[in-house]
Amino acid sequence: MSNGSSITEFLLLTFAHTRELQLLHFWLFLGIYLAALLGNSLIITAIACDHHLHTPMYFFLLNLSLLDLGSISTTLPKAMANSLWDTRHISYLGCVTQVFFFLFLMVGEYFLLTIMSYDRYVAICKPLHYGTLLGSRACVHMAAAAWGTGFLTAVLHTANTFSLPLCQGNTVDQSFCEVPQILKLSCSESDYLREIGLIIASICFDLACFVFIVVSYVQIFRVVLRIPSEQGRHKAFSTCLPHLAVVSLFISTVMFAYLKPPSISSPTLDLVVSFLYSVVSPTLNPLIYSLRNREIRDALRKLIGHVSAARDCQTFSANDSQCMS
């Protein structure tokens, strides 16, 4: 293949080669996908419907759930379809679309997690300035900055990656299209180095965000450990630990995937690691937040109670006074 224009489709890496295992993977992926959809949708609905949760922390959590829904919907449905129909193919346009949306949503999520660490830092270390530093307008601007950064990063990397001439075949050593795997197919050293330069610049910026998160939590734990009341420390930790768990899971898997030495790289290892940050993380995030956060649990109970009450009312006549109220 002389260039990228002659490629009409790519071949993705399969999770299994036997039909029985492929069908097993399909049902496993379907269960995970439905769990992610349900968990994130419940978080979004609970925050949107409960006015007690209309605070900066939960506003950012709502945005995080939206990003998680988008990121898992970018990769998992195609993997499910390939397992069900015993195929490896993805069209050229489908691959471009997958790269763009995956970068857009994952970069947006990373910057949003950085903003959420700042939210927790201000809430615990500078509580008297919380309303000033994190007013409604400031929160909207920060969330928009996270989405906008993801969008611009995705446009830049997707356009640059797929402008490269591809002459190393069309087999992608991954279950979904990803920039590092597409770069392996490039045959232009100068253009390849240009994209590598963009990736290095992005990694440096990401490391700066990582340092900001670490410094924020060092300051947070210093303040929390000085709180004399055990109940006060527990309340502070209950708002920080879910975010810290989500950040740790997301950053550790992504950094290992992109910064691991080539000597330990293999298609199987890359597949497992990518599954952790592209599928497991968006699925577990709602569970992590709901288990550690009493306000989220209370909002979900009220939401489920209202849905159950509305369903029960449908079994009575329209004149029933209890249902009408």
C-alpha atoms as a PDB file:
ATOM      1  CA  MET A   1       0.000   0.000   0.000  1.00  0.00           C
ATOM      2  CA  SER A   2       1.592   3.218  -1.124  1.00  0.00           C
ATOM      3  CA  ASN A   3      -0.361   5.615   1.053  1.00  0.00           C
ATOM      4  CA  GLY A   4      -3.273   5.993   3.438  1.00  0.00           C
ATOM      5  CA  SER A   5      -5.773   6.743   0.673  1.00  0.00           C
ATOM      6  CA  SER A   6      -5.493   3.162  -0.620  1.00  0.00           C
ATOM      7  CA  ILE A   7      -6.655   1.778   2.731  1.00  0.00           C
ATOM      8  CA  THR A   8     -10.414   1.345   2.913  1.00  0.00           C
ATOM      9  CA  GLU A   9     -10.528  -0.581   6.184  1.00  0.00           C
ATOM     10  CA  PHE A  10      -8.431  -1.710   9.128  1.00  0.00           C
ATOM     11  CA  LEU A  11      -8.212  -5.066  10.897  1.00  0.00           C
ATOM     12  CA  LEU A  12      -8.568  -4.919  14.675  1.00  0.00           C
ATOM     13  CA  LEU A  13      -7.127  -7.328  17.210  1.00  0.00           C
ATOM     14  CA  THR A  14      -9.607  -9.978  18.353  1.00  0.00           C
ATOM     15  CA  PHE A  15     -10.111 -11.058  21.955  1.00  0.00           C
ATOM     16  CA  ALA A  16     -10.553 -14.743  21.019  1.00  0.00           C
ATOM     17  CA  HIS A  17     -10.233 -17.021  18.006  1.00  0.00           C
ATOM     18  CA  THR A  18     -12.766 -19.738  18.838  1.00  0.00           C
ATOM     19  CA  ARG A  19     -16.455 -19.137  18.212  1.00  0.00           C
ATOM     20  CA  GLU A  20     -17.480 -20.144  21.729  1.00  0.00           C
ATOM     21  CA  LEU A  21     -15.087 -17.654  23.348  1.00  0.00           C
ATOM     22  CA  GLN A  22     -16.164 -14.931  20.929  1.00  0.00           C
ATOM     23  CA  LEU A  23     -19.796 -15.359  21.953  1.00  0.00           C
ATOM     24  CA  LEU A  24     -18.748 -15.449  25.608  1.00  0.00           C
ATOM     25  CA  HIS A  25     -16.895 -12.164  25.127  1.00  0.00           C
ATOM     26  CA  PHE A  26     -19.938 -10.669  23.440  1.00  0.00           C
ATOM     27  CA  TRP A  27     -22.215 -11.421  26.406  1.00  0.00           C
ATOM     28  CA  LEU A  28     -19.529 -10.257  28.846  1.00  0.00           C
ATOM     29  CA  PHE A  29     -19.089  -6.972  26.950  1.00  0.00           C
ATOM     30  CA  LEU A  30     -22.850  -6.534  26.725  1.00  0.00           C
ATOM     31  CA  GLY A  31     -23.209  -6.948  30.497  1.00  0.00           C
ATOM     32  CA  ILE A  32     -20.377  -4.480  31.162  1.00  0.00           C
ATOM     33  CA  TYR A  33     -21.791  -1.968  28.679  1.00  0.00           C
ATOM     34  CA  LEU A  34     -25.291  -2.127  30.168  1.00  0.00           C
ATOM     35  CA  ALA A  35     -23.828  -1.741  33.670  1.00  0.00           C
ATOM     36  CA  ALA A  36     -21.865   1.331  32.547  1.00  0.00           C
ATOM     37  CA  LEU A  37     -24.931   2.822  30.862  1.00  0.00           C
ATOM     38  CA  LEU A  38     -27.116   2.189  33.909  1.00  0.00           C
ATOM     39  CA  GLY A  39     -24.593   3.413  36.474  1.00  0.00           C
ATOM     40  CA  ASN A  40     -23.646   6.609  34.689  1.00  0.00           C
ATOM     41  CA  SER A  41     -27.247   7.350  33.677  1.00  0.00           C
ATOM     42  CA  LEU A  42     -28.369   7.002  37.298  1.00  0.00           C
ATOM     43  CA  ILE A  43     -25.622   9.376  38.452  1.00  0.00           C
ATOM     44  CA  ILE A  44     -26.590  11.940  35.784  1.00  0.00           C
ATOM     45  CA  THR A  45     -30.321  11.671  36.533  1.00  0.00           C
ATOM     46  CA  ALA A  46     -29.856  11.820  40.313  1.00  0.00           C
ATOM     47  CA  ILE A  47     -27.691  14.949  40.121  1.00  0.00           C
ATOM     48  CA  ALA A  48     -29.972  16.644  37.593  1.00  0.00           C
ATOM     49  CA  CYS A  49     -33.161  15.926  39.569  1.00  0.00           C
ATOM     50  CA  ASP A  50     -31.985  16.522  43.152  1.00  0.00           C
ATOM     51  CA  HIS A  51     -31.504  20.225  43.890  1.00  0.00           C
ATOM     52  CA  HIS A  52     -29.374  19.339  46.941  1.00  0.00           C
ATOM     53  CA  LEU A  53     -26.736  18.084  44.493  1.00  0.00           C
ATOM     54  CA  HIS A  54     -26.594  21.286  42.462  1.00  0.00           C
ATOM     55  CA  THR A  55     -23.121  22.118  43.758  1.00  0.00           C
ATOM     56  CA  PRO A  56     -19.755  22.405  41.960  1.00  0.00           C
ATOM     57  CA  MET A  57     -18.577  18.953  43.032  1.00  0.00           C
ATOM     58  CA  TYR A  58     -21.652  17.202  41.647  1.00  0.00           C
ATOM     59  CA  PHE A  59     -21.740  19.414  38.559  1.00  0.00           C
ATOM     60  CA  PHE A  60     -18.273  18.149  37.684  1.00  0.00           C
ATOM     61  CA  LEU A  61     -19.323  14.581  38.544  1.00  0.00           C
ATOM     62  CA  LEU A  62     -22.243  14.897  36.111  1.00  0.00           C
ATOM     63  CA  ASN A  63     -19.800  15.946  33.388  1.00  0.00           C
ATOM     64  CA  LEU A  64     -17.534  13.029  34.291  1.00  0.00           C
ATOM     65  CA  SER A  65     -20.420  10.584  33.851  1.00  0.00           C
ATOM     66  CA  LEU A  66     -21.243  12.105  30.463  1.00  0.00           C
ATOM     67  CA  LEU A  67     -17.628  11.656  29.362  1.00  0.00           C
ATOM     68  CA  ASP A  68     -17.582   8.076  30.672  1.00  0.00           C
ATOM     69  CA  LEU A  69     -20.755   7.263  28.751  1.00  0.00           C
ATOM     70  CA  GLY A  70     -19.255   8.665  25.578  1.00  0.00           C
ATOM     71  CA  SER A  71     -15.853   6.995  25.912  1.00  0.00           C
ATOM     72  CA  ILE A  72     -17.184   3.487  26.547  1.00  0.00           C
ATOM     73  CA  SER A  73     -19.731   3.924  23.738  1.00  0.00           C
ATOM     74  CA  THR A  74     -16.876   4.759  21.366  1.00  0.00           C
ATOM     75  CA  THR A  75     -15.003   1.470  21.770  1.00  0.00           C
ATOM     76  CA  LEU A  76     -17.138  -1.285  23.293  1.00  0.00           C
ATOM     77  CA  PRO A  77     -20.075  -1.515  20.812  1.00  0.00           C
ATOM     78  CA  LYS A  78     -17.654  -2.162  17.922  1.00  0.00           C
ATOM     79  CA  ALA A  79     -15.835  -4.828  19.957  1.00  0.00           C
ATOM     80  CA  MET A  80     -19.206  -6.405  20.753  1.00  0.00           C
ATOM     81  CA  ALA A  81     -20.224  -6.391  17.070  1.00  0.00           C
ATOM     82  CA  ASN A  82     -16.922  -7.935  15.989  1.00  0.00           C
ATOM     83  CA  SER A  83     -17.233 -10.692  18.599  1.00  0.00           C
ATOM     84  CA  LEU A  84     -20.833 -11.405  17.645  1.00  0.00           C
ATOM     85  CA  TRP A  85     -20.281 -11.484  13.882  1.00  0.00           C
ATOM     86  CA  ASP A  86     -16.795 -13.056  13.986  1.00  0.00           C
ATOM     87  CA  THR A  87     -15.080 -10.226  12.143  1.00  0.00           C
ATOM     88  CA  ARG A  88     -12.100  -7.922  12.648  1.00  0.00           C
ATOM     89  CA  HIS A  89     -12.962  -5.191  10.167  1.00  0.00           C
ATOM     90  CA  ILE A  90     -13.523  -1.505  10.773  1.00  0.00           C
ATOM     91  CA  SER A  91     -13.889   0.994   7.935  1.00  0.00           C
ATOM     92  CA  TYR A  92     -11.338   3.759   7.385  1.00  0.00           C
ATOM     93  CA  LEU A  93     -13.919   6.408   8.315  1.00  0.00           C
ATOM     94  CA  GLY A  94     -14.995   4.353  11.325  1.00  0.00           C
ATOM     95  CA  CYS A  95     -11.385   4.184  12.497  1.00  0.00           C
ATOM     96  CA  VAL A  96     -10.938   7.948  12.087  1.00  0.00           C
ATOM     97  CA  THR A  97     -14.168   8.550  14.010  1.00  0.00           C
ATOM     98  CA  GLN A  98     -13.120   6.175  16.781  1.00  0.00           C
ATOM     99  CA  VAL A  99      -9.715   7.839  17.187  1.00  0.00           C
ATOM    100  CA  PHE A 100     -11.262  11.309  17.280  1.00  0.00           C
ATOM    101  CA  PHE A 101     -13.994  10.597  19.835  1.00  0.00           C
ATOM    102  CA  PHE A 102     -11.774   8.434  22.028  1.00  0.00           C
ATOM    103  CA  LEU A 103      -9.143  11.184  22.248  1.00  0.00           C
ATOM    104  CA  PHE A 104     -11.783  13.870  22.683  1.00  0.00           C
ATOM    105  CA  LEU A 105     -13.488  12.120  25.595  1.00  0.00           C
ATOM    106  CA  MET A 106     -10.410  10.681  27.318  1.00  0.00           C
ATOM    107  CA  VAL A 107      -8.452  13.946  27.247  1.00  0.00           C
ATOM    108  CA  GLY A 108     -11.559  15.816  28.394  1.00  0.00           C
ATOM    109  CA  GLU A 109     -11.949  13.359  31.277  1.00  0.00           C
ATOM    110  CA  TYR A 110      -8.343  13.766  32.343  1.00  0.00           C
ATOM    111  CA  PHE A 111      -8.609  17.552  32.486  1.00  0.00           C
ATOM    112  CA  LEU A 112     -11.944  17.292  34.268  1.00  0.00           C
ATOM    113  CA  LEU A 113     -10.361  15.058  36.919  1.00  0.00           C
ATOM    114  CA  THR A 114      -7.686  17.731  37.342  1.00  0.00           C
ATOM    115  CA  ILE A 115     -10.399  20.365  37.830  1.00  0.00           C
ATOM    116  CA  MET A 116     -12.168  18.100  40.343  1.00  0.00           C
ATOM    117  CA  SER A 117      -8.970  17.867  42.390  1.00  0.00           C
ATOM    118  CA  TYR A 118      -8.867  21.678  42.445  1.00  0.00           C
ATOM    119  CA  ASP A 119     -12.507  21.686  43.607  1.00  0.00           C
ATOM    120  CA  ARG A 120     -11.641  19.395  46.521  1.00  0.00           C
ATOM    121  CA  TYR A 121      -8.547  21.471  47.342  1.00  0.00           C
ATOM    122  CA  VAL A 122     -10.547  24.709  47.556  1.00  0.00           C
ATOM    123  CA  ALA A 123     -13.393  23.056  49.503  1.00  0.00           C
ATOM    124  CA  ILE A 124     -11.065  21.684  52.194  1.00  0.00           C
ATOM    125  CA  CYS A 125      -8.066  24.028  52.239  1.00  0.00           C
ATOM    126  CA  LYS A 126      -9.821  27.329  51.433  1.00  0.00           C
ATOM    127  CA  PRO A 127     -13.457  26.824  52.474  1.00  0.00           C
ATOM    128  CA  LEU A 128     -14.109  30.540  53.070  1.00  0.00           C
ATOM    129  CA  HIS A 129     -13.241  31.290  49.424  1.00  0.00           C
ATOM    130  CA  TYR A 130     -15.155  28.340  47.950  1.00  0.00           C
ATOM    131  CA  GLY A 131     -18.158  30.357  46.801  1.00  0.00           C
ATOM    132  CA  THR A 132     -15.930  32.991  45.222  1.00  0.00           C
ATOM    133  CA  LEU A 133     -13.455  30.704  43.452  1.00  0.00           C
ATOM    134  CA  LEU A 134     -16.036  28.144  42.347  1.00  0.00           C
ATOM    135  CA  GLY A 135     -19.142  30.116  41.504  1.00  0.00           C
ATOM    136  CA  SER A 136     -21.582  28.844  38.900  1.00  0.00           C
ATOM    137  CA  ARG A 137     -19.981  30.844  36.091  1.00  0.00           C
ATOM    138  CA  ALA A 138     -16.477  29.669  37.008  1.00  0.00           C
ATOM    139  CA  CYS A 139     -17.648  26.042  37.096  1.00  0.00           C
ATOM    140  CA  VAL A 140     -19.233  26.307  33.649  1.00  0.00           C
ATOM    141  CA  HIS A 141     -16.084  27.905  32.257  1.00  0.00           C
ATOM    142  CA  MET A 142     -13.854  25.182  33.742  1.00  0.00           C
ATOM    143  CA  ALA A 143     -16.066  22.378  32.456  1.00  0.00           C
ATOM    144  CA  ALA A 144     -16.168  24.020  29.023  1.00  0.00           C
ATOM    145  CA  ALA A 145     -12.370  24.282  29.103  1.00  0.00           C
ATOM    146  CA  ALA A 146     -12.089  20.533  29.780  1.00  0.00           C
ATOM    147  CA  TRP A 147     -14.441  19.669  26.896  1.00  0.00           C
ATOM    148  CA  GLY A 148     -12.767  22.229  24.633  1.00  0.00           C
ATOM    149  CA  THR A 149      -9.264  20.966  25.409  1.00  0.00           C
ATOM    150  CA  GLY A 150     -10.347  17.425  24.587  1.00  0.00           C
ATOM    151  CA  PHE A 151     -11.912  18.573  21.308  1.00  0.00           C
ATOM    152  CA  LEU A 152      -8.881  20.587  20.158  1.00  0.00           C
ATOM    153  CA  THR A 153      -6.470  17.800  21.129  1.00  0.00           C
ATOM    154  CA  ALA A 154      -8.558  15.246  19.245  1.00  0.00           C
ATOM    155  CA  VAL A 155      -8.746  17.417  16.113  1.00  0.00           C
ATOM    156  CA  LEU A 156      -4.989  18.030  16.148  1.00  0.00           C
ATOM    157  CA  HIS A 157      -3.888  14.417  16.682  1.00  0.00           C
ATOM    158  CA  THR A 158      -6.542  12.834  14.443  1.00  0.00           C
ATOM    159  CA  ALA A 159      -5.822  15.165  11.513  1.00  0.00           C
ATOM    160  CA  ASN A 160      -2.064  14.737  11.892  1.00  0.00           C
ATOM    161  CA  THR A 161      -2.175  10.947  12.333  1.00  0.00           C
ATOM    162  CA  PHE A 162      -4.392  10.197   9.355  1.00  0.00           C
ATOM    163  CA  SER A 163      -2.455  12.576   7.105  1.00  0.00           C
ATOM    164  CA  LEU A 164       0.508  10.184   7.381  1.00  0.00           C
ATOM    165  CA  PRO A 165       1.168   7.833   4.457  1.00  0.00           C
ATOM    166  CA  LEU A 166       0.462   4.289   5.653  1.00  0.00           C
ATOM    167  CA  CYS A 167       2.408   1.504   3.972  1.00  0.00           C
ATOM    168  CA  GLN A 168       2.872  -1.085   6.732  1.00  0.00           C
ATOM    169  CA  GLY A 169      -0.407  -2.889   6.116  1.00  0.00           C
ATOM    170  CA  ASN A 170      -3.761  -2.275   7.753  1.00  0.00           C
ATOM    171  CA  THR A 171      -3.587  -4.506  10.842  1.00  0.00           C
ATOM    172  CA  VAL A 172      -4.038  -2.602  14.123  1.00  0.00           C
ATOM    173  CA  ASP A 173      -2.617  -4.371  17.199  1.00  0.00           C
ATOM    174  CA  GLN A 174      -5.483  -3.194  19.376  1.00  0.00           C
ATOM    175  CA  SER A 175      -9.197  -3.883  19.823  1.00  0.00           C
ATOM    176  CA  PHE A 176      -9.993  -0.324  18.749  1.00  0.00           C
ATOM    177  CA  CYS A 177      -8.266   2.350  16.677  1.00  0.00           C
ATOM    178  CA  GLU A 178      -5.716   4.303  18.687  1.00  0.00           C
ATOM    179  CA  VAL A 179      -3.041   6.787  17.626  1.00  0.00           C
ATOM    180  CA  PRO A 180       0.077   4.762  18.687  1.00  0.00           C
ATOM    181  CA  GLN A 181      -1.165   1.723  16.762  1.00  0.00           C
ATOM    182  CA  ILE A 182      -1.912   3.744  13.624  1.00  0.00           C
ATOM    183  CA  LEU A 183       1.570   5.314  13.819  1.00  0.00           C
ATOM    184  CA  LYS A 184       3.114   1.836  13.558  1.00  0.00           C
ATOM    185  CA  LEU A 185       1.671   1.623  10.046  1.00  0.00           C
ATOM    186  CA  SER A 186       3.355   4.847   8.900  1.00  0.00           C
ATOM    187  CA  CYS A 187       6.158   4.803   6.335  1.00  0.00           C
ATOM    188  CA  SER A 188       7.117   8.489   6.500  1.00  0.00           C
ATOM    189  CA  GLU A 189       9.804   9.104   9.108  1.00  0.00           C
ATOM    190  CA  SER A 190       9.532  12.909   9.051  1.00  0.00           C
ATOM    191  CA  ASP A 191       5.736  12.930   9.437  1.00  0.00           C
ATOM    192  CA  TYR A 192       5.998  10.184  12.060  1.00  0.00           C
ATOM    193  CA  LEU A 193       8.461  12.283  14.087  1.00  0.00           C
ATOM    194  CA  ARG A 194       6.106  15.260  13.800  1.00  0.00           C
ATOM    195  CA  GLU A 195       3.279  13.296  15.424  1.00  0.00           C
ATOM    196  CA  ILE A 196       5.678  11.882  18.026  1.00  0.00           C
ATOM    197  CA  GLY A 197       6.631  15.476  18.852  1.00  0.00           C
ATOM    198  CA  LEU A 198       2.967  16.345  19.373  1.00  0.00           C
ATOM    199  CA  ILE A 199       2.524  13.292  21.595  1.00  0.00           C
ATOM    200  CA  ILE A 200       5.567  14.243  23.700  1.00  0.00           C
ATOM    201  CA  ALA A 201       4.216  17.787  24.099  1.00  0.00           C
ATOM    202  CA  SER A 202       0.846  16.364  25.159  1.00  0.00           C
ATOM    203  CA  ILE A 203       2.524  14.013  27.650  1.00  0.00           C
ATOM    204  CA  CYS A 204       4.446  16.929  29.192  1.00  0.00           C
ATOM    205  CA  PHE A 205       1.211  18.858  29.604  1.00  0.00           C
ATOM    206  CA  ASP A 206      -0.457  15.769  31.089  1.00  0.00           C
ATOM    207  CA  LEU A 207       2.420  15.339  33.526  1.00  0.00           C
ATOM    208  CA  ALA A 208       1.943  18.942  34.636  1.00  0.00           C
ATOM    209  CA  CYS A 209      -1.706  18.130  35.405  1.00  0.00           C
ATOM    210  CA  PHE A 210      -0.588  15.004  37.250  1.00  0.00           C
ATOM    211  CA  VAL A 211       1.816  17.026  39.406  1.00  0.00           C
ATOM    212  CA  PHE A 212      -1.001  19.506  40.115  1.00  0.00           C
ATOM    213  CA  ILE A 213      -3.263  16.651  41.272  1.00  0.00           C
ATOM    214  CA  VAL A 214      -0.550  15.195  43.506  1.00  0.00           C
ATOM    215  CA  VAL A 215       0.302  18.569  45.085  1.00  0.00           C
ATOM    216  CA  SER A 216      -3.403  19.290  45.627  1.00  0.00           C
ATOM    217  CA  TYR A 217      -3.923  16.034  47.493  1.00  0.00           C
ATOM    218  CA  VAL A 218      -0.777  16.473  49.563  1.00  0.00           C
ATOM    219  CA  GLN A 219      -2.192  19.806  50.756  1.00  0.00           C
ATOM    220  CA  ILE A 220      -5.638  18.261  51.275  1.00  0.00           C
ATOM    221  CA  PHE A 221      -4.334  15.424  53.451  1.00  0.00           C
ATOM    222  CA  ARG A 222      -2.182  17.819  55.486  1.00  0.00           C
ATOM    223  CA  VAL A 223      -5.290  19.867  56.315  1.00  0.00           C
ATOM    224  CA  VAL A 224      -7.553  16.859  56.908  1.00  0.00           C
ATOM    225  CA  LEU A 225      -5.133  15.179  59.295  1.00  0.00           C
ATOM    226  CA  ARG A 226      -5.113  18.359  61.421  1.00  0.00           C
ATOM    227  CA  ILE A 227      -8.904  18.297  61.856  1.00  0.00           C
ATOM    228  CA  PRO A 228      -9.479  17.516  65.574  1.00  0.00           C
ATOM    229  CA  SER A 229     -12.862  15.854  65.099  1.00  0.00           C
ATOM    230  CA  GLU A 230     -12.888  12.252  63.879  1.00  0.00           C
ATOM    231  CA  GLN A 231     -16.304  12.876  62.299  1.00  0.00           C
ATOM    232  CA  GLY A 232     -14.892  15.902  60.456  1.00  0.00           C
ATOM    233  CA  ARG A 233     -11.965  13.874  59.135  1.00  0.00           C
ATOM    234  CA  HIS A 234     -14.293  11.102  58.009  1.00  0.00           C
ATOM    235  CA  LYS A 235     -16.551  13.554  56.175  1.00  0.00           C
ATOM    236  CA  ALA A 236     -13.576  15.158  54.429  1.00  0.00           C
ATOM    237  CA  PHE A 237     -12.154  11.801  53.410  1.00  0.00           C
ATOM    238  CA  SER A 238     -15.551  10.611  52.145  1.00  0.00           C
ATOM    239  CA  THR A 239     -15.612  13.436  49.584  1.00  0.00           C
ATOM    240  CA  CYS A 240     -11.974  12.986  48.520  1.00  0.00           C
ATOM    241  CA  LEU A 241     -11.399   9.227  48.407  1.00  0.00           C
ATOM    242  CA  PRO A 242     -13.846   8.466  45.529  1.00  0.00           C
ATOM    243  CA  HIS A 243     -12.179  11.073  43.338  1.00  0.00           C
ATOM    244  CA  LEU A 244      -8.732   9.878  44.348  1.00  0.00           C
ATOM    245  CA  ALA A 245      -9.676   6.267  43.515  1.00  0.00           C
ATOM    246  CA  VAL A 246     -11.014   7.290  40.089  1.00  0.00           C
ATOM    247  CA  VAL A 247      -7.909   9.388  39.360  1.00  0.00           C
ATOM    248  CA  SER A 248      -5.571   6.571  40.453  1.00  0.00           C
ATOM    249  CA  LEU A 249      -7.310   3.954  38.304  1.00  0.00           C
ATOM    250  CA  PHE A 250      -7.441   6.208  35.252  1.00  0.00           C
ATOM    251  CA  ILE A 251      -3.941   7.687  35.405  1.00  0.00           C
ATOM    252  CA  SER A 252      -2.096   4.497  36.401  1.00  0.00           C
ATOM    253  CA  THR A 253      -3.504   2.470  33.509  1.00  0.00           C
ATOM    254  CA  VAL A 254      -3.087   5.233  30.906  1.00  0.00           C
ATOM    255  CA  MET A 255       0.476   6.043  32.008  1.00  0.00           C
ATOM    256  CA  PHE A 256       1.431   2.370  31.968  1.00  0.00           C
ATOM    257  CA  ALA A 257      -0.083   1.952  28.495  1.00  0.00           C
ATOM    258  CA  TYR A 258       1.719   4.923  26.953  1.00  0.00           C
ATOM    259  CA  LEU A 259       4.954   5.109  28.963  1.00  0.00           C
ATOM    260  CA  LYS A 260       5.873   1.435  29.437  1.00  0.00           C
ATOM    261  CA  PRO A 261       9.208   0.384  27.863  1.00  0.00           C
ATOM    262  CA  PRO A 262       8.960  -1.338  24.471  1.00  0.00           C
ATOM    263  CA  SER A 263      10.761  -4.385  25.879  1.00  0.00           C
ATOM    264  CA  ILE A 264       7.684  -5.436  27.873  1.00  0.00           C
ATOM    265  CA  SER A 265       5.159  -4.488  25.194  1.00  0.00           C
ATOM    266  CA  SER A 266       3.040  -7.207  23.591  1.00  0.00           C
ATOM    267  CA  PRO A 267      -0.357  -7.265  21.831  1.00  0.00           C
ATOM    268  CA  THR A 268      -1.913  -9.224  24.705  1.00  0.00           C
ATOM    269  CA  LEU A 269      -0.596  -6.866  27.390  1.00  0.00           C
ATOM    270  CA  ASP A 270      -1.636  -3.807  25.370  1.00  0.00           C
ATOM    271  CA  LEU A 271      -5.101  -5.300  24.954  1.00  0.00           C
ATOM    272  CA  VAL A 272      -5.531  -5.932  28.687  1.00  0.00           C
ATOM    273  CA  VAL A 273      -4.244  -2.511  29.741  1.00  0.00           C
ATOM    274  CA  SER A 274      -6.367  -0.657  27.177  1.00  0.00           C
ATOM    275  CA  PHE A 275      -9.401  -2.609  28.387  1.00  0.00           C
ATOM    276  CA  LEU A 276      -8.760  -1.284  31.903  1.00  0.00           C
ATOM    277  CA  TYR A 277      -8.767   2.418  31.004  1.00  0.00           C
ATOM    278  CA  SER A 278     -11.289   2.315  28.144  1.00  0.00           C
ATOM    279  CA  VAL A 279     -13.887  -0.059  29.635  1.00  0.00           C
ATOM    280  CA  VAL A 280     -13.288  -0.875  33.311  1.00  0.00           C
ATOM    281  CA  SER A 281     -12.698   2.716  34.447  1.00  0.00           C
ATOM    282  CA  PRO A 282     -15.949   4.194  32.984  1.00  0.00           C
ATOM    283  CA  THR A 283     -17.883   1.228  34.396  1.00  0.00           C
ATOM    284  CA  LEU A 284     -16.469   1.423  37.926  1.00  0.00           C
ATOM    285  CA  ASN A 285     -16.573   5.208  38.335  1.00  0.00           C
ATOM    286  CA  PRO A 286     -20.325   5.369  39.204  1.00  0.00           C
ATOM    287  CA  LEU A 287     -19.905   2.455  41.620  1.00  0.00           C
ATOM    288  CA  ILE A 288     -16.940   4.100  43.346  1.00  0.00           C
ATOM    289  CA  TYR A 289     -18.800   7.377  43.828  1.00  0.00           C
ATOM    290  CA  SER A 290     -22.079   5.808  44.949  1.00  0.00           C
ATOM    291  CA  LEU A 291     -20.423   3.499  47.479  1.00  0.00           C
ATOM    292  CA  ARG A 292     -18.424   6.223  49.219  1.00  0.00           C
ATOM    293  CA  ASN A 293     -20.824   9.149  48.928  1.00  0.00           C
ATOM    294  CA  ARG A 294     -23.872   9.245  51.194  1.00  0.00           C
ATOM    295  CA  GLU A 295     -25.517  12.141  49.325  1.00  0.00           C
ATOM    296  CA  ILE A 296     -25.355  10.217  46.035  1.00  0.00           C
ATOM    297  CA  ARG A 297     -26.793   7.112  47.718  1.00  0.00           C
ATOM    298  CA  ASP A 298     -29.638   9.150  49.242  1.00  0.00           C
ATOM    299  CA  ALA A 299     -30.392  10.812  45.899  1.00  0.00           C
ATOM    300  CA  LEU A 300     -30.442   7.432  44.138  1.00  0.00           C
ATOM    301  CA  ARG A 301     -32.779   5.993  46.783  1.00  0.00           C
ATOM    302  CA  LYS A 302     -35.152   8.944  46.359  1.00  0.00           C
ATOM    303  CA  LEU A 303     -34.997   8.597  42.580  1.00  0.00           C
ATOM    304  CA  ILE A 304     -35.750   4.876  42.701  1.00  0.00           C
ATOM    305  CA  GLY A 305     -38.503   5.526  45.239  1.00  0.00           C
ATOM    306  CA  HIS A 306     -40.150   8.108  42.978  1.00  0.00           C
ATOM    307  CA  VAL A 307     -39.965   5.760  39.998  1.00  0.00           C
ATOM    308  CA  SER A 308     -41.476   2.916  42.041  1.00  0.00           C
ATOM    309  CA  ALA A 309     -44.228   5.161  43.374  1.00  0.00           C
ATOM    310  CA  ALA A 310     -45.089   6.380  39.879  1.00  0.00           C
ATOM    311  CA  ARG A 311     -45.234   2.822  38.610  1.00  0.00           C
ATOM    312  CA  ASP A 312     -47.450   1.716  41.507  1.00  0.00           C
ATOM    313  CA  CYS A 313     -49.790   4.616  40.876  1.00  0.00           C
ATOM    314  CA  GLN A 314     -50.430   3.386  37.366  1.00  0.00           C
ATOM    315  CA  THR A 315     -52.186   0.364  38.856  1.00  0.00           C
ATOM    316  CA  PHE A 316     -54.787   2.591  40.532  1.00  0.00           C
ATOM    317  CA  SER A 317     -57.461   4.741  39.010  1.00  0.00           C
ATOM    318  CA  ALA A 318     -56.731   8.321  38.011  1.00  0.00           C
ATOM    319  CA  ASN A 319     -59.055   9.522  40.790  1.00  0.00           C
ATOM    320  CA  ASP A 320     -56.996   7.984  43.557  1.00  0.00           C
ATOM    321  CA  SER A 321     -56.138  10.890  45.845  1.00  0.00           C
ATOM    322  CA  GLN A 322     -52.783   9.485  46.911  1.00  0.00           C
ATOM    323  CA  CYS A 323     -51.559   9.173  43.328  1.00  0.00           C
ATOM    324  CA  MET A 324     -52.957  12.538  42.308  1.00  0.00           C
ATOM    325  CA  SER A 325     -50.952  14.183  45.055  1.00  0.00           C
END
